Amino acid sequence: MAEEFTFPFEARLHEVAPALHEAQNAWLARIDSLPAPDRKTHELIRLVCTVILRSEDGIRRHAMLAREVGATWEEIAGAILLTLPGFGLLPAVEAFPTAREAFEAAPEPETDEE
């Protein structure tokens, strides 16, 4: 059975340097467990970073995770627009379709209501 990875680059990294890949995953897990900012803000910040980097995989992942932890489409779009004017119009405009698709594909956020 082939191993599944979140990002395409992970398979290549794992093939060449599996210990480095495992260490990177452990490090990223620690970032994900930071107590502040709250998880929604955390995902929106990471979304903005991936927009600036023009990383479609990152945009997809963090838009989806942001929704899963309660972000609305308006919050996601607003976060993307915060990349203006410092990083130009194109990264934001290019990010919208990917972010919207990921937002719509994400599961509904869990609520405490019963």
C-alpha atoms as a PDB file:
ATOM      1  CA  MET A   1       0.000   0.000   0.000  1.00  0.00           C
ATOM      2  CA  ALA A   2       1.416   3.369  -1.025  1.00  0.00           C
ATOM      3  CA  GLU A   3       1.798   6.022   1.621  1.00  0.00           C
ATOM      4  CA  GLU A   4      -0.520   9.025   1.325  1.00  0.00           C
ATOM      5  CA  PHE A   5       0.793  12.548   1.752  1.00  0.00           C
ATOM      6  CA  THR A   6      -0.937  15.900   2.148  1.00  0.00           C
ATOM      7  CA  PHE A   7       1.253  17.672  -0.422  1.00  0.00           C
ATOM      8  CA  PRO A   8       2.806  16.271  -3.610  1.00  0.00           C
ATOM      9  CA  PHE A   9       6.330  17.328  -2.564  1.00  0.00           C
ATOM     10  CA  GLU A  10       6.150  15.078   0.494  1.00  0.00           C
ATOM     11  CA  ALA A  11       6.479  11.846  -1.500  1.00  0.00           C
ATOM     12  CA  ARG A  12       9.680  13.096  -3.127  1.00  0.00           C
ATOM     13  CA  LEU A  13      11.105  14.292   0.198  1.00  0.00           C
ATOM     14  CA  HIS A  14      10.163  11.046   1.926  1.00  0.00           C
ATOM     15  CA  GLU A  15      11.803   8.971  -0.797  1.00  0.00           C
ATOM     16  CA  VAL A  16      15.111  10.838  -0.505  1.00  0.00           C
ATOM     17  CA  ALA A  17      15.164  11.674   3.200  1.00  0.00           C
ATOM     18  CA  PRO A  18      12.496   9.853   5.241  1.00  0.00           C
ATOM     19  CA  ALA A  19      13.930  10.903   8.617  1.00  0.00           C
ATOM     20  CA  LEU A  20      13.930  14.561   7.565  1.00  0.00           C
ATOM     21  CA  HIS A  21      10.355  14.223   6.359  1.00  0.00           C
ATOM     22  CA  GLU A  22       9.270  12.691   9.667  1.00  0.00           C
ATOM     23  CA  ALA A  23      11.060  15.450  11.609  1.00  0.00           C
ATOM     24  CA  GLN A  24       9.362  18.096   9.476  1.00  0.00           C
ATOM     25  CA  ASN A  25       5.951  16.528  10.177  1.00  0.00           C
ATOM     26  CA  ALA A  26       6.664  16.504  13.924  1.00  0.00           C
ATOM     27  CA  TRP A  27       7.718  20.162  13.793  1.00  0.00           C
ATOM     28  CA  LEU A  28       4.595  21.147  11.847  1.00  0.00           C
ATOM     29  CA  ALA A  29       2.422  19.254  14.326  1.00  0.00           C
ATOM     30  CA  ARG A  30       3.909  21.379  17.098  1.00  0.00           C
ATOM     31  CA  ILE A  31       3.026  24.551  15.174  1.00  0.00           C
ATOM     32  CA  ASP A  32      -0.536  23.269  14.760  1.00  0.00           C
ATOM     33  CA  SER A  33      -0.813  22.774  18.525  1.00  0.00           C
ATOM     34  CA  LEU A  34       0.153  26.313  19.557  1.00  0.00           C
ATOM     35  CA  PRO A  35      -2.346  27.582  22.157  1.00  0.00           C
ATOM     36  CA  ALA A  36      -2.486  31.097  20.668  1.00  0.00           C
ATOM     37  CA  PRO A  37      -3.736  32.462  18.422  1.00  0.00           C
ATOM     38  CA  ASP A  38      -6.967  30.500  18.378  1.00  0.00           C
ATOM     39  CA  ARG A  39      -7.173  27.820  15.686  1.00  0.00           C
ATOM     40  CA  LYS A  40      -9.358  29.829  13.287  1.00  0.00           C
ATOM     41  CA  THR A  41      -6.984  32.805  13.384  1.00  0.00           C
ATOM     42  CA  HIS A  42      -4.057  30.381  13.037  1.00  0.00           C
ATOM     43  CA  GLU A  43      -5.509  28.916   9.827  1.00  0.00           C
ATOM     44  CA  LEU A  44      -6.365  32.341   8.399  1.00  0.00           C
ATOM     45  CA  ILE A  45      -2.793  33.547   9.009  1.00  0.00           C
ATOM     46  CA  ARG A  46      -1.372  30.444   7.362  1.00  0.00           C
ATOM     47  CA  LEU A  47      -3.814  30.940   4.474  1.00  0.00           C
ATOM     48  CA  VAL A  48      -2.525  34.478   3.953  1.00  0.00           C
ATOM     49  CA  CYS A  49       1.061  33.194   3.978  1.00  0.00           C
ATOM     50  CA  THR A  50       0.260  30.613   1.307  1.00  0.00           C
ATOM     51  CA  VAL A  51      -1.496  33.240  -0.823  1.00  0.00           C
ATOM     52  CA  ILE A  52       1.651  35.379  -0.685  1.00  0.00           C
ATOM     53  CA  LEU A  53       3.722  32.341  -1.695  1.00  0.00           C
ATOM     54  CA  ARG A  54       1.210  31.491  -4.447  1.00  0.00           C
ATOM     55  CA  SER A  55       1.041  27.931  -3.139  1.00  0.00           C
ATOM     56  CA  GLU A  56      -2.176  26.394  -4.465  1.00  0.00           C
ATOM     57  CA  ASP A  57      -1.758  23.315  -2.280  1.00  0.00           C
ATOM     58  CA  GLY A  58      -1.306  25.524   0.789  1.00  0.00           C
ATOM     59  CA  ILE A  59      -4.250  27.747  -0.129  1.00  0.00           C
ATOM     60  CA  ARG A  60      -6.426  24.682  -0.587  1.00  0.00           C
ATOM     61  CA  ARG A  61      -5.332  23.123   2.707  1.00  0.00           C
ATOM     62  CA  HIS A  62      -5.674  26.216   4.882  1.00  0.00           C
ATOM     63  CA  ALA A  63      -8.968  27.395   3.357  1.00  0.00           C
ATOM     64  CA  MET A  64     -10.375  23.943   4.073  1.00  0.00           C
ATOM     65  CA  LEU A  65      -8.977  23.818   7.593  1.00  0.00           C
ATOM     66  CA  ALA A  66     -10.189  27.367   8.284  1.00  0.00           C
ATOM     67  CA  ARG A  67     -13.740  26.362   7.409  1.00  0.00           C
ATOM     68  CA  GLU A  68     -13.474  23.185   9.478  1.00  0.00           C
ATOM     69  CA  VAL A  69     -12.690  25.312  12.539  1.00  0.00           C
ATOM     70  CA  GLY A  70     -15.483  27.795  11.897  1.00  0.00           C
ATOM     71  CA  ALA A  71     -14.318  30.446   9.415  1.00  0.00           C
ATOM     72  CA  THR A  72     -16.931  31.824   7.063  1.00  0.00           C
ATOM     73  CA  TRP A  73     -16.287  32.485   3.385  1.00  0.00           C
ATOM     74  CA  GLU A  74     -16.346  36.219   4.168  1.00  0.00           C
ATOM     75  CA  GLU A  75     -13.553  35.756   6.741  1.00  0.00           C
ATOM     76  CA  ILE A  76     -11.490  33.726   4.293  1.00  0.00           C
ATOM     77  CA  ALA A  77     -11.985  36.247   1.480  1.00  0.00           C
ATOM     78  CA  GLY A  78     -11.197  39.115   3.847  1.00  0.00           C
ATOM     79  CA  ALA A  79      -7.985  37.431   4.981  1.00  0.00           C
ATOM     80  CA  ILE A  80      -6.931  36.942   1.359  1.00  0.00           C
ATOM     81  CA  LEU A  81      -7.632  40.604   0.614  1.00  0.00           C
ATOM     82  CA  LEU A  82      -5.299  41.595   3.460  1.00  0.00           C
ATOM     83  CA  THR A  83      -2.415  40.615   1.185  1.00  0.00           C
ATOM     84  CA  LEU A  84      -3.163  43.836  -0.721  1.00  0.00           C
ATOM     85  CA  PRO A  85      -1.481  46.213  -1.438  1.00  0.00           C
ATOM     86  CA  GLY A  86       1.796  44.862  -0.057  1.00  0.00           C
ATOM     87  CA  PHE A  87       1.964  41.775  -2.268  1.00  0.00           C
ATOM     88  CA  GLY A  88      -0.015  42.949  -5.276  1.00  0.00           C
ATOM     89  CA  LEU A  89      -3.424  42.206  -6.693  1.00  0.00           C
ATOM     90  CA  LEU A  90      -2.629  39.041  -8.655  1.00  0.00           C
ATOM     91  CA  PRO A  91      -1.777  36.676  -5.778  1.00  0.00           C
ATOM     92  CA  ALA A  92      -5.105  37.502  -4.122  1.00  0.00           C
ATOM     93  CA  VAL A  93      -7.167  37.273  -7.297  1.00  0.00           C
ATOM     94  CA  GLU A  94      -5.490  34.017  -8.293  1.00  0.00           C
ATOM     95  CA  ALA A  95      -6.154  32.538  -4.834  1.00  0.00           C
ATOM     96  CA  PHE A  96      -9.924  33.072  -4.804  1.00  0.00           C
ATOM     97  CA  PRO A  97     -11.005  30.127  -7.016  1.00  0.00           C
ATOM     98  CA  THR A  98      -8.793  27.638  -5.183  1.00  0.00           C
ATOM     99  CA  ALA A  99      -9.809  28.942  -1.765  1.00  0.00           C
ATOM    100  CA  ARG A 100     -13.519  28.929  -2.682  1.00  0.00           C
ATOM    101  CA  GLU A 101     -13.349  25.387  -4.050  1.00  0.00           C
ATOM    102  CA  ALA A 102     -11.585  24.158  -0.889  1.00  0.00           C
ATOM    103  CA  PHE A 103     -14.008  26.055   1.358  1.00  0.00           C
ATOM    104  CA  GLU A 104     -16.979  24.426  -0.352  1.00  0.00           C
ATOM    105  CA  ALA A 105     -15.365  20.965  -0.209  1.00  0.00           C
ATOM    106  CA  ALA A 106     -14.613  21.200   3.516  1.00  0.00           C
ATOM    107  CA  PRO A 107     -16.908  19.574   6.047  1.00  0.00           C
ATOM    108  CA  GLU A 108     -19.235  21.847   7.962  1.00  0.00           C
ATOM    109  CA  PRO A 109     -17.669  23.113  11.177  1.00  0.00           C
ATOM    110  CA  GLU A 110     -18.588  21.204  14.289  1.00  0.00           C
ATOM    111  CA  THR A 111     -20.752  23.100  16.754  1.00  0.00           C
ATOM    112  CA  ASP A 112     -21.343  22.618  20.436  1.00  0.00           C
ATOM    113  CA  GLU A 113     -25.095  22.843  19.895  1.00  0.00           C
ATOM    114  CA  GLU A 114     -27.123  19.659  20.165  1.00  0.00           C
END
